[in-house]
Amino acid sequence: MPEEASAPVKMHFDEKDVKENSIIAALSYIGILCLIPLLAKKDSKFAQEHGKQGLVLLIAWVVVVVVGWIPILGWIVGFFGSILLLVLSLVGFIKCLMGEFWEVPVLGQYRNKFNL
């Protein structure tokens, strides 16, 4: 029986936690505001997971902007990278408001590196 290579991550959260913290967790996908759920909602697993993922997206965005300073090739990478990160942030924001957790492809796995 072959293993599924890219099985989606399914995390379970307390319904009360999701209901109370979905709006503040959604701030995670608006740039530096990812620090609000990370610092203000330490007791909420839902807000913490979204906050960590938002922090990973923010770091990726900084990297894309720095690469975007390089003439020609950097401009292309910066342009398309910014669009990609914007789309990923919007999807994460919407999923968060819906009370779901969606792991961002490729980047989402790095949120587990943060022990906040």
Protein backbone atom coordinates (compact mmCIF):
# COMPACT_ATOMS: atom_id res chain seq x y z
CA MET A 1 0.00 0.00 0.00
CA PRO A 2 1.65 3.30 -1.05
CA GLU A 3 1.75 6.16 1.41
CA GLU A 4 0.18 9.46 0.47
CA ALA A 5 3.00 11.92 -0.07
CA SER A 6 1.05 15.12 0.50
CA ALA A 7 -1.73 14.31 2.94
CA PRO A 8 -3.28 17.54 4.24
CA VAL A 9 -2.64 18.43 7.85
CA LYS A 10 -5.83 18.16 9.87
CA MET A 11 -5.66 19.87 13.22
CA HIS A 12 -8.40 19.73 15.78
CA PHE A 13 -9.18 22.69 17.98
CA ASP A 14 -11.66 23.26 20.78
CA GLU A 15 -14.84 24.78 19.32
CA LYS A 16 -15.01 27.40 22.05
CA ASP A 17 -11.39 28.40 21.37
CA VAL A 18 -12.08 28.76 17.64
CA LYS A 19 -15.27 30.76 18.17
CA GLU A 20 -13.70 33.17 20.66
CA ASN A 21 -10.39 33.70 18.86
CA SER A 22 -11.06 33.46 15.13
CA ILE A 23 -11.07 37.24 14.59
CA ILE A 24 -7.87 37.91 16.52
CA ALA A 25 -6.25 34.87 14.86
CA ALA A 26 -7.15 36.31 11.45
CA LEU A 27 -4.86 39.26 12.24
CA SER A 28 -2.02 36.79 11.79
CA TYR A 29 -2.25 37.18 8.04
CA ILE A 30 -1.90 40.98 8.02
CA GLY A 31 1.86 41.51 8.14
CA ILE A 32 3.36 42.53 11.48
CA LEU A 33 -0.04 42.12 13.17
CA CYS A 34 0.81 38.41 13.42
CA LEU A 35 2.46 39.36 16.72
CA ILE A 36 -0.88 40.26 18.31
CA PRO A 37 -2.26 36.70 18.56
CA LEU A 38 1.22 35.38 19.38
CA LEU A 39 1.61 37.72 22.35
CA ALA A 40 -1.99 38.33 23.46
CA LYS A 41 -3.51 34.85 23.13
CA LYS A 42 -0.92 32.49 24.58
CA ASP A 43 -3.69 30.26 25.94
CA SER A 44 -5.35 29.75 22.53
CA LYS A 45 -3.91 26.94 20.43
CA PHE A 46 -5.96 28.15 17.44
CA ALA A 47 -4.60 31.70 17.61
CA GLN A 48 -1.05 30.48 18.25
CA GLU A 49 -1.00 28.17 15.21
CA HIS A 50 -2.33 30.91 12.95
CA GLY A 51 0.07 33.43 14.51
CA LYS A 52 3.07 31.21 13.86
CA GLN A 53 1.98 30.66 10.29
CA GLY A 54 1.49 34.39 9.83
CA LEU A 55 5.00 34.95 11.18
CA VAL A 56 6.40 32.52 8.60
CA LEU A 57 4.54 34.40 5.85
CA LEU A 58 5.89 37.71 7.14
CA ILE A 59 9.46 36.39 7.07
CA ALA A 60 8.91 35.05 3.55
CA TRP A 61 7.55 38.45 2.52
CA VAL A 62 10.66 40.20 3.87
CA VAL A 63 12.86 37.76 1.91
CA VAL A 64 10.86 38.39 -1.28
CA VAL A 65 11.16 42.16 -0.84
CA VAL A 66 14.93 41.94 -0.30
CA VAL A 67 15.32 39.70 -3.37
CA GLY A 68 13.15 42.19 -5.26
CA TRP A 69 15.89 44.80 -4.92
CA ILE A 70 18.08 42.82 -7.30
CA PRO A 71 17.73 44.25 -10.82
CA ILE A 72 15.82 42.35 -13.52
CA LEU A 73 15.59 38.78 -12.15
CA GLY A 74 14.96 40.02 -8.61
CA TRP A 75 12.20 42.29 -9.84
CA ILE A 76 10.46 39.36 -11.52
CA VAL A 77 10.83 37.12 -8.46
CA GLY A 78 9.75 39.97 -6.20
CA PHE A 79 6.67 40.73 -8.29
CA PHE A 80 5.40 37.15 -8.59
CA GLY A 81 6.50 36.25 -5.06
CA SER A 82 4.52 39.18 -3.64
CA ILE A 83 1.42 38.14 -5.56
CA LEU A 84 1.79 34.54 -4.38
CA LEU A 85 2.24 35.58 -0.75
CA LEU A 86 -0.74 37.94 -0.98
CA VAL A 87 -2.94 35.10 -2.26
CA LEU A 88 -1.68 32.74 0.48
CA SER A 89 -2.36 35.40 3.12
CA LEU A 90 -5.88 36.02 1.81
CA VAL A 91 -6.72 32.31 1.80
CA GLY A 92 -5.34 31.92 5.33
CA PHE A 93 -7.30 34.98 6.49
CA ILE A 94 -10.57 33.68 5.04
CA LYS A 95 -10.06 30.13 6.34
CA CYS A 96 -9.28 31.54 9.77
CA LEU A 97 -12.50 33.57 9.84
CA MET A 98 -14.36 30.40 8.83
CA GLY A 99 -12.90 28.67 11.89
CA GLU A 100 -10.62 26.36 9.92
CA PHE A 101 -6.90 25.78 9.91
CA TRP A 102 -5.22 25.62 6.51
CA GLU A 103 -1.53 24.86 6.38
CA VAL A 104 0.14 27.06 3.80
CA PRO A 105 1.83 24.82 1.21
CA VAL A 106 5.63 24.56 1.54
CA LEU A 107 5.94 27.40 4.11
CA GLY A 108 3.41 26.15 6.67
CA GLN A 109 5.66 23.37 7.93
CA TYR A 110 8.14 25.92 9.27
CA ARG A 111 5.67 27.23 11.85
CA ASN A 112 6.59 24.27 14.05
CA LYS A 113 10.13 25.66 14.36
CA PHE A 114 8.87 28.48 16.60
CA ASN A 115 8.49 27.81 20.31
CA LEU A 116 6.60 30.89 21.46
